[in-house]
PDB file of N, CA and C in Angstrom:
ATOM      1  N   MET A   1      61.300  28.665 -30.151  1.00  0.00           N
ATOM      2  CA  MET A   1      60.529  27.490 -29.856  1.00  0.00           C
ATOM      3  C   MET A   1      59.074  27.679 -30.185  1.00  0.00           C
ATOM      4  N   ILE A   2      58.353  28.588 -29.518  1.00  0.00           N
ATOM      5  CA  ILE A   2      56.974  28.861 -29.821  1.00  0.00           C
ATOM      6  C   ILE A   2      56.824  30.378 -30.073  1.00  0.00           C
ATOM      7  N   ASN A   3      56.083  30.719 -31.086  1.00  0.00           N
ATOM      8  CA  ASN A   3      55.806  32.124 -31.424  1.00  0.00           C
ATOM      9  C   ASN A   3      54.412  32.478 -31.045  1.00  0.00           C
ATOM     10  N   MET A   4      54.174  33.806 -30.840  1.00  0.00           N
ATOM     11  CA  MET A   4      52.879  34.265 -30.488  1.00  0.00           C
ATOM     12  C   MET A   4      52.580  35.541 -31.338  1.00  0.00           C
ATOM     13  N   THR A   5      51.424  35.605 -31.907  1.00  0.00           N
ATOM     14  CA  THR A   5      51.150  36.759 -32.750  1.00  0.00           C
ATOM     15  C   THR A   5      50.842  37.912 -31.831  1.00  0.00           C
ATOM     16  N   GLU A   6      50.957  39.203 -32.336  1.00  0.00           N
ATOM     17  CA  GLU A   6      50.656  40.382 -31.544  1.00  0.00           C
ATOM     18  C   GLU A   6      49.246  40.337 -31.044  1.00  0.00           C
ATOM     19  N   ARG A   7      48.339  39.887 -31.844  1.00  0.00           N
ATOM     20  CA  ARG A   7      46.908  39.788 -31.433  1.00  0.00           C
ATOM     21  C   ARG A   7      46.747  38.850 -30.242  1.00  0.00           C
ATOM     22  N   ALA A   8      47.440  37.670 -30.220  1.00  0.00           N
ATOM     23  CA  ALA A   8      47.385  36.740 -29.078  1.00  0.00           C
ATOM     24  C   ALA A   8      48.033  37.313 -27.855  1.00  0.00           C
ATOM     25  N   ALA A   9      49.189  37.995 -28.063  1.00  0.00           N
ATOM     26  CA  ALA A   9      49.863  38.614 -26.934  1.00  0.00           C
ATOM     27  C   ALA A   9      49.040  39.639 -26.298  1.00  0.00           C
ATOM     28  N   SER A  10      48.340  40.472 -27.076  1.00  0.00           N
ATOM     29  CA  SER A  10      47.483  41.557 -26.588  1.00  0.00           C
ATOM     30  C   SER A  10      46.330  40.934 -25.811  1.00  0.00           C
ATOM     31  N   LYS A  11      45.716  39.955 -26.285  1.00  0.00           N
ATOM     32  CA  LYS A  11      44.618  39.243 -25.554  1.00  0.00           C
ATOM     33  C   LYS A  11      45.137  38.611 -24.250  1.00  0.00           C
ATOM     34  N   ALA A  12      46.269  37.904 -24.299  1.00  0.00           N
ATOM     35  CA  ALA A  12      46.824  37.291 -23.193  1.00  0.00           C
ATOM     36  C   ALA A  12      47.157  38.286 -22.108  1.00  0.00           C
ATOM     37  N   LYS A  13      47.753  39.435 -22.499  1.00  0.00           N
ATOM     38  CA  LYS A  13      48.036  40.449 -21.570  1.00  0.00           C
ATOM     39  C   LYS A  13      46.768  41.020 -20.862  1.00  0.00           C
ATOM     40  N   GLU A  14      45.735  41.211 -21.632  1.00  0.00           N
ATOM     41  CA  GLU A  14      44.448  41.649 -21.106  1.00  0.00           C
ATOM     42  C   GLU A  14      43.927  40.663 -20.040  1.00  0.00           C
ATOM     43  N   ILE A  15      43.933  39.399 -20.409  1.00  0.00           N
ATOM     44  CA  ILE A  15      43.464  38.362 -19.458  1.00  0.00           C
ATOM     45  C   ILE A  15      44.351  38.255 -18.148  1.00  0.00           C
ATOM     46  N   LEU A  16      45.629  38.319 -18.331  1.00  0.00           N
ATOM     47  CA  LEU A  16      46.520  38.249 -17.169  1.00  0.00           C
ATOM     48  C   LEU A  16      46.313  39.459 -16.236  1.00  0.00           C
ATOM     49  N   GLU A  17      46.132  40.615 -16.838  1.00  0.00           N
ATOM     50  CA  GLU A  17      45.872  41.812 -16.001  1.00  0.00           C
ATOM     51  C   GLU A  17      44.517  41.736 -15.310  1.00  0.00           C
ATOM     52  N   GLN A  18      43.465  41.199 -16.007  1.00  0.00           N
ATOM     53  CA  GLN A  18      42.192  41.065 -15.417  1.00  0.00           C
ATOM     54  C   GLN A  18      42.222  40.121 -14.171  1.00  0.00           C
ATOM     55  N   LYS A  19      43.031  39.079 -14.302  1.00  0.00           N
ATOM     56  CA  LYS A  19      43.125  38.081 -13.236  1.00  0.00           C
ATOM     57  C   LYS A  19      44.111  38.411 -12.199  1.00  0.00           C
ATOM     58  N   GLY A  20      44.868  39.530 -12.354  1.00  0.00           N
ATOM     59  CA  GLY A  20      45.818  39.916 -11.341  1.00  0.00           C
ATOM     60  C   GLY A  20      47.079  39.065 -11.275  1.00  0.00           C
ATOM     61  N   ILE A  21      47.437  38.508 -12.458  1.00  0.00           N
ATOM     62  CA  ILE A  21      48.673  37.738 -12.558  1.00  0.00           C
ATOM     63  C   ILE A  21      49.805  38.684 -12.724  1.00  0.00           C
ATOM     64  N   GLY A  22      50.754  38.651 -11.805  1.00  0.00           N
ATOM     65  CA  GLY A  22      51.938  39.616 -11.862  1.00  0.00           C
ATOM     66  C   GLY A  22      52.946  39.150 -12.820  1.00  0.00           C
ATOM     67  N   PRO A  23      54.091  39.880 -12.815  1.00  0.00           N
ATOM     68  CA  PRO A  23      55.170  39.615 -13.808  1.00  0.00           C
ATOM     69  C   PRO A  23      55.877  38.219 -13.522  1.00  0.00           C
ATOM     70  N   GLN A  24      55.678  37.646 -12.371  1.00  0.00           N
ATOM     71  CA  GLN A  24      56.297  36.327 -12.137  1.00  0.00           C
ATOM     72  C   GLN A  24      55.573  35.254 -12.761  1.00  0.00           C
ATOM     73  N   GLY A  25      54.339  35.519 -13.303  1.00  0.00           N
ATOM     74  CA  GLY A  25      53.465  34.492 -13.899  1.00  0.00           C
ATOM     75  C   GLY A  25      53.478  34.618 -15.443  1.00  0.00           C
ATOM     76  N   GLY A  26      52.495  33.991 -16.017  1.00  0.00           N
ATOM     77  CA  GLY A  26      52.353  34.010 -17.454  1.00  0.00           C
ATOM     78  C   GLY A  26      51.278  33.128 -17.996  1.00  0.00           C
ATOM     79  N   LEU A  27      51.285  32.877 -19.231  1.00  0.00           N
ATOM     80  CA  LEU A  27      50.256  31.935 -19.834  1.00  0.00           C
ATOM     81  C   LEU A  27      50.975  30.637 -20.076  1.00  0.00           C
ATOM     82  N   ARG A  28      50.404  29.572 -19.422  1.00  0.00           N
ATOM     83  CA  ARG A  28      50.962  28.190 -19.577  1.00  0.00           C
ATOM     84  C   ARG A  28      50.294  27.610 -20.758  1.00  0.00           C
ATOM     85  N   VAL A  29      51.154  26.977 -21.592  1.00  0.00           N
ATOM     86  CA  VAL A  29      50.708  26.237 -22.768  1.00  0.00           C
ATOM     87  C   VAL A  29      51.152  24.839 -22.613  1.00  0.00           C
ATOM     88  N   PHE A  30      50.271  23.889 -22.808  1.00  0.00           N
ATOM     89  CA  PHE A  30      50.688  22.433 -22.563  1.00  0.00           C
ATOM     90  C   PHE A  30      49.980  21.468 -23.487  1.00  0.00           C
ATOM     91  N   VAL A  31      50.476  20.317 -23.549  1.00  0.00           N
ATOM     92  CA  VAL A  31      49.858  19.229 -24.290  1.00  0.00           C
ATOM     93  C   VAL A  31      49.625  18.044 -23.365  1.00  0.00           C
ATOM     94  N   VAL A  32      48.479  17.420 -23.481  1.00  0.00           N
ATOM     95  CA  VAL A  32      48.076  16.179 -22.736  1.00  0.00           C
ATOM     96  C   VAL A  32      47.601  15.161 -23.666  1.00  0.00           C
ATOM     97  N   GLY A  33      47.654  13.927 -23.265  1.00  0.00           N
ATOM     98  CA  GLY A  33      47.067  12.854 -24.046  1.00  0.00           C
ATOM     99  C   GLY A  33      45.544  12.964 -24.047  1.00  0.00           C
ATOM    100  N   GLY A  34      44.928  12.628 -25.206  1.00  0.00           N
ATOM    101  CA  GLY A  34      43.476  12.699 -25.267  1.00  0.00           C
ATOM    102  C   GLY A  34      43.068  13.405 -26.506  1.00  0.00           C
ATOM    103  N   GLY A  35      41.841  13.963 -26.491  1.00  0.00           N
ATOM    104  CA  GLY A  35      41.264  14.520 -27.674  1.00  0.00           C
ATOM    105  C   GLY A  35      40.962  13.485 -28.686  1.00  0.00           C
ATOM    106  N   CYS A  36      40.429  13.849 -29.867  1.00  0.00           N
ATOM    107  CA  CYS A  36      40.004  12.826 -30.845  1.00  0.00           C
ATOM    108  C   CYS A  36      41.190  12.374 -31.715  1.00  0.00           C
ATOM    109  N   SER A  37      42.371  13.089 -31.606  1.00  0.00           N
ATOM    110  CA  SER A  37      43.452  12.744 -32.456  1.00  0.00           C
ATOM    111  C   SER A  37      44.592  12.136 -31.682  1.00  0.00           C
ATOM    112  N   GLY A  38      44.634  12.186 -30.393  1.00  0.00           N
ATOM    113  CA  GLY A  38      45.704  11.596 -29.611  1.00  0.00           C
ATOM    114  C   GLY A  38      46.352  12.537 -28.627  1.00  0.00           C
ATOM    115  N   TYR A  39      46.522  13.780 -28.971  1.00  0.00           N
ATOM    116  CA  TYR A  39      47.038  14.826 -28.065  1.00  0.00           C
ATOM    117  C   TYR A  39      46.041  15.955 -28.043  1.00  0.00           C
ATOM    118  N   GLN A  40      46.012  16.661 -26.951  1.00  0.00           N
ATOM    119  CA  GLN A  40      45.133  17.774 -26.832  1.00  0.00           C
ATOM    120  C   GLN A  40      45.873  18.987 -26.268  1.00  0.00           C
ATOM    121  N   TYR A  41      45.537  20.234 -26.848  1.00  0.00           N
ATOM    122  CA  TYR A  41      46.210  21.407 -26.356  1.00  0.00           C
ATOM    123  C   TYR A  41      45.496  21.855 -25.084  1.00  0.00           C
ATOM    124  N   GLY A  42      46.229  22.597 -24.208  1.00  0.00           N
ATOM    125  CA  GLY A  42      45.643  23.226 -23.057  1.00  0.00           C
ATOM    126  C   GLY A  42      46.371  24.515 -22.770  1.00  0.00           C
ATOM    127  N   MET A  43      45.665  25.419 -22.154  1.00  0.00           N
ATOM    128  CA  MET A  43      46.191  26.689 -21.699  1.00  0.00           C
ATOM    129  C   MET A  43      45.655  26.966 -20.299  1.00  0.00           C
ATOM    130  N   ALA A  44      46.477  27.570 -19.514  1.00  0.00           N
ATOM    131  CA  ALA A  44      46.075  27.987 -18.144  1.00  0.00           C
ATOM    132  C   ALA A  44      46.923  29.192 -17.737  1.00  0.00           C
ATOM    133  N   LEU A  45      46.387  29.928 -16.735  1.00  0.00           N
ATOM    134  CA  LEU A  45      47.141  31.030 -16.195  1.00  0.00           C
ATOM    135  C   LEU A  45      48.118  30.463 -15.147  1.00  0.00           C
ATOM    136  N   ALA A  46      49.381  30.870 -15.245  1.00  0.00           N
ATOM    137  CA  ALA A  46      50.393  30.438 -14.355  1.00  0.00           C
ATOM    138  C   ALA A  46      50.821  31.552 -13.490  1.00  0.00           C
ATOM    139  N   ARG A  47      50.566  31.423 -12.144  1.00  0.00           N
ATOM    140  CA  ARG A  47      50.993  32.489 -11.215  1.00  0.00           C
ATOM    141  C   ARG A  47      52.479  32.507 -11.033  1.00  0.00           C
ATOM    142  N   GLU A  48      53.128  31.268 -11.121  1.00  0.00           N
ATOM    143  CA  GLU A  48      54.495  31.078 -10.959  1.00  0.00           C
ATOM    144  C   GLU A  48      55.069  30.173 -12.011  1.00  0.00           C
ATOM    145  N   VAL A  49      56.359  30.190 -12.260  1.00  0.00           N
ATOM    146  CA  VAL A  49      57.123  29.301 -13.178  1.00  0.00           C
ATOM    147  C   VAL A  49      57.724  28.176 -12.391  1.00  0.00           C
ATOM    148  N   GLU A  50      57.558  26.952 -12.890  1.00  0.00           N
ATOM    149  CA  GLU A  50      58.241  25.829 -12.285  1.00  0.00           C
ATOM    150  C   GLU A  50      59.702  25.780 -12.666  1.00  0.00           C
ATOM    151  N   GLU A  51      60.516  25.138 -11.874  1.00  0.00           N
ATOM    152  CA  GLU A  51      61.997  25.201 -12.087  1.00  0.00           C
ATOM    153  C   GLU A  51      62.434  24.688 -13.434  1.00  0.00           C
ATOM    154  N   ASP A  52      61.711  23.632 -13.972  1.00  0.00           N
ATOM    155  CA  ASP A  52      62.155  23.039 -15.282  1.00  0.00           C
ATOM    156  C   ASP A  52      61.351  23.570 -16.425  1.00  0.00           C
ATOM    157  N   ASP A  53      60.503  24.600 -16.296  1.00  0.00           N
ATOM    158  CA  ASP A  53      59.729  25.168 -17.365  1.00  0.00           C
ATOM    159  C   ASP A  53      60.618  25.990 -18.306  1.00  0.00           C
ATOM    160  N   PHE A  54      60.211  26.013 -19.578  1.00  0.00           N
ATOM    161  CA  PHE A  54      60.807  26.884 -20.544  1.00  0.00           C
ATOM    162  C   PHE A  54      59.958  28.126 -20.524  1.00  0.00           C
ATOM    163  N   VAL A  55      60.588  29.324 -20.573  1.00  0.00           N
ATOM    164  CA  VAL A  55      59.850  30.555 -20.511  1.00  0.00           C
ATOM    165  C   VAL A  55      60.255  31.348 -21.794  1.00  0.00           C
ATOM    166  N   ILE A  56      59.237  31.720 -22.550  1.00  0.00           N
ATOM    167  CA  ILE A  56      59.425  32.513 -23.752  1.00  0.00           C
ATOM    168  C   ILE A  56      58.722  33.829 -23.615  1.00  0.00           C
ATOM    169  N   GLU A  57      59.422  34.914 -23.843  1.00  0.00           N
ATOM    170  CA  GLU A  57      58.772  36.223 -23.617  1.00  0.00           C
ATOM    171  C   GLU A  57      58.521  36.835 -25.017  1.00  0.00           C
ATOM    172  N   LYS A  58      57.313  37.407 -25.082  1.00  0.00           N
ATOM    173  CA  LYS A  58      56.887  37.955 -26.432  1.00  0.00           C
ATOM    174  C   LYS A  58      55.953  39.121 -26.062  1.00  0.00           C
ATOM    175  N   ASP A  59      56.298  40.345 -26.519  1.00  0.00           N
ATOM    176  CA  ASP A  59      55.468  41.541 -26.346  1.00  0.00           C
ATOM    177  C   ASP A  59      55.084  41.716 -24.916  1.00  0.00           C
ATOM    178  N   GLY A  60      55.978  41.419 -23.925  1.00  0.00           N
ATOM    179  CA  GLY A  60      55.616  41.611 -22.511  1.00  0.00           C
ATOM    180  C   GLY A  60      54.808  40.475 -21.885  1.00  0.00           C
ATOM    181  N   ILE A  61      54.652  39.426 -22.667  1.00  0.00           N
ATOM    182  CA  ILE A  61      53.932  38.292 -22.117  1.00  0.00           C
ATOM    183  C   ILE A  61      54.880  37.077 -21.968  1.00  0.00           C
ATOM    184  N   ARG A  62      54.815  36.383 -20.895  1.00  0.00           N
ATOM    185  CA  ARG A  62      55.578  35.191 -20.686  1.00  0.00           C
ATOM    186  C   ARG A  62      54.774  33.942 -21.064  1.00  0.00           C
ATOM    187  N   LEU A  63      55.244  33.171 -21.952  1.00  0.00           N
ATOM    188  CA  LEU A  63      54.703  31.823 -22.266  1.00  0.00           C
ATOM    189  C   LEU A  63      55.479  30.864 -21.480  1.00  0.00           C
ATOM    190  N   VAL A  64      54.795  29.962 -20.720  1.00  0.00           N
ATOM    191  CA  VAL A  64      55.397  29.019 -19.907  1.00  0.00           C
ATOM    192  C   VAL A  64      55.061  27.590 -20.436  1.00  0.00           C
ATOM    193  N   VAL A  65      56.098  26.780 -20.656  1.00  0.00           N
ATOM    194  CA  VAL A  65      55.900  25.469 -21.272  1.00  0.00           C
ATOM    195  C   VAL A  65      56.627  24.440 -20.502  1.00  0.00           C
ATOM    196  N   ASP A  66      56.083  23.374 -20.134  1.00  0.00           N
ATOM    197  CA  ASP A  66      56.790  22.243 -19.485  1.00  0.00           C
ATOM    198  C   ASP A  66      57.672  21.495 -20.554  1.00  0.00           C
ATOM    199  N   PRO A  67      58.751  20.798 -20.074  1.00  0.00           N
ATOM    200  CA  PRO A  67      59.612  20.094 -21.032  1.00  0.00           C
ATOM    201  C   PRO A  67      58.966  19.119 -21.950  1.00  0.00           C
ATOM    202  N   GLU A  68      58.016  18.342 -21.467  1.00  0.00           N
ATOM    203  CA  GLU A  68      57.342  17.347 -22.308  1.00  0.00           C
ATOM    204  C   GLU A  68      56.500  17.983 -23.383  1.00  0.00           C
ATOM    205  N   SER A  69      55.815  19.048 -23.011  1.00  0.00           N
ATOM    206  CA  SER A  69      54.959  19.698 -24.035  1.00  0.00           C
ATOM    207  C   SER A  69      55.871  20.488 -25.035  1.00  0.00           C
ATOM    208  N   ALA A  70      56.958  20.936 -24.558  1.00  0.00           N
ATOM    209  CA  ALA A  70      57.825  21.770 -25.491  1.00  0.00           C
ATOM    210  C   ALA A  70      58.293  20.993 -26.682  1.00  0.00           C
ATOM    211  N   ALA A  71      58.548  19.705 -26.537  1.00  0.00           N
ATOM    212  CA  ALA A  71      58.992  18.908 -27.620  1.00  0.00           C
ATOM    213  C   ALA A  71      57.858  18.779 -28.719  1.00  0.00           C
ATOM    214  N   LEU A  72      56.579  18.773 -28.269  1.00  0.00           N
ATOM    215  CA  LEU A  72      55.430  18.611 -29.156  1.00  0.00           C
ATOM    216  C   LEU A  72      55.032  20.012 -29.783  1.00  0.00           C
ATOM    217  N   LEU A  73      55.463  21.070 -29.203  1.00  0.00           N
ATOM    218  CA  LEU A  73      55.039  22.356 -29.625  1.00  0.00           C
ATOM    219  C   LEU A  73      56.187  23.177 -30.318  1.00  0.00           C
ATOM    220  N   GLU A  74      57.271  22.479 -30.579  1.00  0.00           N
ATOM    221  CA  GLU A  74      58.418  23.167 -31.221  1.00  0.00           C
ATOM    222  C   GLU A  74      58.025  23.761 -32.515  1.00  0.00           C
ATOM    223  N   GLY A  75      58.223  25.030 -32.679  1.00  0.00           N
ATOM    224  CA  GLY A  75      57.925  25.778 -33.935  1.00  0.00           C
ATOM    225  C   GLY A  75      56.441  26.196 -34.114  1.00  0.00           C
ATOM    226  N   ALA A  76      55.665  25.941 -33.079  1.00  0.00           N
ATOM    227  CA  ALA A  76      54.212  26.277 -33.121  1.00  0.00           C
ATOM    228  C   ALA A  76      54.014  27.804 -32.995  1.00  0.00           C
ATOM    229  N   GLU A  77      52.801  28.273 -33.453  1.00  0.00           N
ATOM    230  CA  GLU A  77      52.479  29.662 -33.337  1.00  0.00           C
ATOM    231  C   GLU A  77      51.129  29.752 -32.671  1.00  0.00           C
ATOM    232  N   ILE A  78      50.971  30.633 -31.670  1.00  0.00           N
ATOM    233  CA  ILE A  78      49.696  30.883 -31.011  1.00  0.00           C
ATOM    234  C   ILE A  78      49.144  32.135 -31.539  1.00  0.00           C
ATOM    235  N   ASP A  79      47.882  32.042 -31.930  1.00  0.00           N
ATOM    236  CA  ASP A  79      47.154  33.265 -32.436  1.00  0.00           C
ATOM    237  C   ASP A  79      45.838  33.350 -31.643  1.00  0.00           C
ATOM    238  N   TYR A  80      45.207  34.511 -31.748  1.00  0.00           N
ATOM    239  CA  TYR A  80      43.854  34.736 -31.158  1.00  0.00           C
ATOM    240  C   TYR A  80      42.941  35.004 -32.325  1.00  0.00           C
ATOM    241  N   VAL A  81      41.874  34.225 -32.440  1.00  0.00           N
ATOM    242  CA  VAL A  81      40.829  34.313 -33.443  1.00  0.00           C
ATOM    243  C   VAL A  81      39.569  34.851 -32.857  1.00  0.00           C
ATOM    244  N   ASP A  82      38.911  35.800 -33.495  1.00  0.00           N
ATOM    245  CA  ASP A  82      37.640  36.299 -33.040  1.00  0.00           C
ATOM    246  C   ASP A  82      36.769  36.570 -34.286  1.00  0.00           C
ATOM    247  N   ASP A  83      36.056  35.504 -34.717  1.00  0.00           N
ATOM    248  CA  ASP A  83      35.168  35.652 -35.856  1.00  0.00           C
ATOM    249  C   ASP A  83      33.821  35.108 -35.614  1.00  0.00           C
ATOM    250  N   LEU A  84      32.996  34.914 -36.594  1.00  0.00           N
ATOM    251  CA  LEU A  84      31.613  34.490 -36.468  1.00  0.00           C
ATOM    252  C   LEU A  84      31.514  33.071 -35.879  1.00  0.00           C
ATOM    253  N   MET A  85      32.521  32.218 -36.259  1.00  0.00           N
ATOM    254  CA  MET A  85      32.485  30.789 -35.834  1.00  0.00           C
ATOM    255  C   MET A  85      32.990  30.568 -34.431  1.00  0.00           C
ATOM    256  N   LYS A  86      34.008  31.281 -34.039  1.00  0.00           N
ATOM    257  CA  LYS A  86      34.653  31.060 -32.669  1.00  0.00           C
ATOM    258  C   LYS A  86      35.462  32.200 -32.279  1.00  0.00           C
ATOM    259  N   ALA A  87      35.705  32.269 -30.997  1.00  0.00           N
ATOM    260  CA  ALA A  87      36.647  33.296 -30.468  1.00  0.00           C
ATOM    261  C   ALA A  87      37.583  32.526 -29.487  1.00  0.00           C
ATOM    262  N   GLY A  88      38.826  32.705 -29.546  1.00  0.00           N
ATOM    263  CA  GLY A  88      39.740  32.056 -28.633  1.00  0.00           C
ATOM    264  C   GLY A  88      41.122  31.901 -29.278  1.00  0.00           C
ATOM    265  N   PHE A  89      41.991  31.377 -28.395  1.00  0.00           N
ATOM    266  CA  PHE A  89      43.387  31.085 -28.855  1.00  0.00           C
ATOM    267  C   PHE A  89      43.415  29.888 -29.759  1.00  0.00           C
ATOM    268  N   THR A  90      44.213  30.012 -30.761  1.00  0.00           N
ATOM    269  CA  THR A  90      44.397  28.837 -31.692  1.00  0.00           C
ATOM    270  C   THR A  90      45.939  28.600 -31.796  1.00  0.00           C
ATOM    271  N   ILE A  91      46.227  27.297 -31.878  1.00  0.00           N
ATOM    272  CA  ILE A  91      47.663  26.890 -31.957  1.00  0.00           C
ATOM    273  C   ILE A  91      47.882  26.312 -33.405  1.00  0.00           C
ATOM    274  N   TYR A  92      48.775  26.891 -34.204  1.00  0.00           N
ATOM    275  CA  TYR A  92      49.170  26.299 -35.420  1.00  0.00           C
ATOM    276  C   TYR A  92      50.455  25.516 -35.169  1.00  0.00           C
ATOM    277  N   ASN A  93      50.405  24.209 -35.346  1.00  0.00           N
ATOM    278  CA  ASN A  93      51.513  23.398 -34.942  1.00  0.00           C
ATOM    279  C   ASN A  93      52.110  22.607 -36.118  1.00  0.00           C
ATOM    280  N   PRO A  94      53.405  22.931 -36.461  1.00  0.00           N
ATOM    281  CA  PRO A  94      53.937  22.218 -37.668  1.00  0.00           C
ATOM    282  C   PRO A  94      54.247  20.712 -37.368  1.00  0.00           C
ATOM    283  N   ASN A  95      54.151  20.258 -36.115  1.00  0.00           N
ATOM    284  CA  ASN A  95      54.433  18.958 -35.756  1.00  0.00           C
ATOM    285  C   ASN A  95      53.172  18.058 -35.947  1.00  0.00           C
ATOM    286  N   ALA A  96      52.051  18.660 -36.152  1.00  0.00           N
ATOM    287  CA  ALA A  96      50.762  17.900 -36.250  1.00  0.00           C
ATOM    288  C   ALA A  96      50.627  17.404 -37.715  1.00  0.00           C
ATOM    289  N   VAL A  97      50.404  16.078 -37.881  1.00  0.00           N
ATOM    290  CA  VAL A  97      50.220  15.535 -39.112  1.00  0.00           C
ATOM    291  C   VAL A  97      48.721  15.319 -39.408  1.00  0.00           C
ATOM    292  N   ARG A  98      48.013  15.351 -38.274  1.00  0.00           N
ATOM    293  CA  ARG A  98      46.538  15.095 -38.381  1.00  0.00           C
ATOM    294  C   ARG A  98      45.908  15.955 -37.255  1.00  0.00           C
ATOM    295  N   THR A  99      44.851  16.675 -37.530  1.00  0.00           N
ATOM    296  CA  THR A  99      44.163  17.425 -36.506  1.00  0.00           C
ATOM    297  C   THR A  99      42.682  17.083 -36.527  1.00  0.00           C
ATOM    298  N   CYS A 100      42.047  17.417 -35.432  1.00  0.00           N
ATOM    299  CA  CYS A 100      40.630  17.152 -35.303  1.00  0.00           C
ATOM    300  C   CYS A 100      39.852  18.353 -35.873  1.00  0.00           C
ATOM    301  N   ALA A 101      38.661  18.127 -36.258  1.00  0.00           N
ATOM    302  CA  ALA A 101      37.866  19.298 -36.826  1.00  0.00           C
ATOM    303  C   ALA A 101      37.620  20.421 -35.889  1.00  0.00           C
ATOM    304  N   CYS A 102      37.671  20.020 -34.519  1.00  0.00           N
ATOM    305  CA  CYS A 102      37.475  21.093 -33.491  1.00  0.00           C
ATOM    306  C   CYS A 102      38.701  21.906 -33.354  1.00  0.00           C
ATOM    307  N   GLY A 103      39.913  21.432 -33.829  1.00  0.00           N
ATOM    308  CA  GLY A 103      41.133  22.196 -33.750  1.00  0.00           C
ATOM    309  C   GLY A 103      41.813  22.166 -32.385  1.00  0.00           C
ATOM    310  N   HIS A 104      41.314  21.380 -31.488  1.00  0.00           N
ATOM    311  CA  HIS A 104      41.887  21.260 -30.183  1.00  0.00           C
ATOM    312  C   HIS A 104      42.766  20.047 -29.929  1.00  0.00           C
ATOM    313  N   SER A 105      42.775  19.144 -30.854  1.00  0.00           N
ATOM    314  CA  SER A 105      43.586  17.920 -30.702  1.00  0.00           C
ATOM    315  C   SER A 105      44.318  17.667 -32.048  1.00  0.00           C
ATOM    316  N   PHE A 106      45.407  16.834 -31.874  1.00  0.00           N
ATOM    317  CA  PHE A 106      46.311  16.607 -33.026  1.00  0.00           C
ATOM    318  C   PHE A 106      47.036  15.213 -32.765  1.00  0.00           C
ATOM    319  N   ALA A 107      47.656  14.809 -33.858  1.00  0.00           N
ATOM    320  CA  ALA A 107      48.506  13.621 -33.766  1.00  0.00           C
ATOM    321  C   ALA A 107      49.805  13.997 -34.437  1.00  0.00           C
ATOM    322  N   THR A 108      50.959  13.378 -34.010  1.00  0.00           N
ATOM    323  CA  THR A 108      52.179  13.639 -34.599  1.00  0.00           C
ATOM    324  C   THR A 108      52.569  12.408 -35.518  1.00  0.00           C
ATOM    325  N   ALA A 109      53.636  12.533 -36.291  1.00  0.00           N
ATOM    326  CA  ALA A 109      54.103  11.387 -37.081  1.00  0.00           C
ATOM    327  C   ALA A 109      54.450  10.202 -36.244  1.00  0.00           C
ATOM    328  N   GLU A 110      54.946  10.467 -35.000  1.00  0.00           N
ATOM    329  CA  GLU A 110      55.338   9.369 -34.114  1.00  0.00           C
ATOM    330  C   GLU A 110      54.205   8.788 -33.388  1.00  0.00           C
ATOM    331  N   GLY A 111      53.027   9.392 -33.525  1.00  0.00           N
ATOM    332  CA  GLY A 111      51.901   8.870 -32.834  1.00  0.00           C
ATOM    333  C   GLY A 111      51.876   9.336 -31.353  1.00  0.00           C
ATOM    334  N   GLY A 112      51.250   8.601 -30.450  1.00  0.00           N
ATOM    335  CA  GLY A 112      51.250   8.958 -29.061  1.00  0.00           C
ATOM    336  C   GLY A 112      49.864   9.425 -28.666  1.00  0.00           C
ATOM    337  N   GLY A 113      49.641   9.470 -27.370  1.00  0.00           N
ATOM    338  CA  GLY A 113      48.342   9.880 -26.842  1.00  0.00           C
ATOM    339  C   GLY A 113      47.376   8.834 -27.033  1.00  0.00           C
ATOM    340  N   ALA A 114      46.211   8.989 -26.444  1.00  0.00           N
ATOM    341  CA  ALA A 114      45.067   7.935 -26.519  1.00  0.00           C
ATOM    342  C   ALA A 114      43.898   8.782 -27.056  1.00  0.00           C
ATOM    343  N   PRO A 115      43.561   8.594 -28.326  1.00  0.00           N
ATOM    344  CA  PRO A 115      42.390   9.330 -28.884  1.00  0.00           C
ATOM    345  C   PRO A 115      41.104   9.044 -28.205  1.00  0.00           C
ATOM    346  N   ARG A 116      40.279  10.083 -28.041  1.00  0.00           N
ATOM    347  CA  ARG A 116      38.932   9.878 -27.439  1.00  0.00           C
ATOM    348  C   ARG A 116      37.987  10.675 -28.358  1.00  0.00           C
ATOM    349  N   PRO A 117      36.697  10.381 -28.249  1.00  0.00           N
ATOM    350  CA  PRO A 117      35.700  11.066 -29.052  1.00  0.00           C
ATOM    351  C   PRO A 117      35.675  12.612 -28.771  1.00  0.00           C
ATOM    352  N   CYS A 118      35.290  13.366 -29.759  1.00  0.00           N
ATOM    353  CA  CYS A 118      35.131  14.841 -29.546  1.00  0.00           C
ATOM    354  C   CYS A 118      33.792  15.092 -28.856  1.00  0.00           C
ATOM    355  N   HIS A 119      33.787  16.136 -28.167  1.00  0.00           N
ATOM    356  CA  HIS A 119      32.514  16.512 -27.428  1.00  0.00           C
ATOM    357  C   HIS A 119      32.073  17.859 -27.955  1.00  0.00           C
TER     358      HIS A 119
END
């Protein structure tokens, strides 16, 4: 469903350990309406997994995804970028037909979401 590079898994593990998130938690990846293209990516630390969540394990890290977001993230890859322009997690999503210049929002062929201006 979703893949994570070794670099992203290493950074996620570092963050989860720093925040004291135990093995029952993980990195939650989700999609919400908004952003300048219609949908916006989000990530949060999850202390626990909800009953209907999908859980993907990669290099000792648990990715937690709710069912609605899972459909929009099918086949996506999470990477961690640290260069002169930015540092942070990046999602490469094959379902996105249009993305924002900031890289945090996207649109699918089916549309959806309510676009808002970039900040």
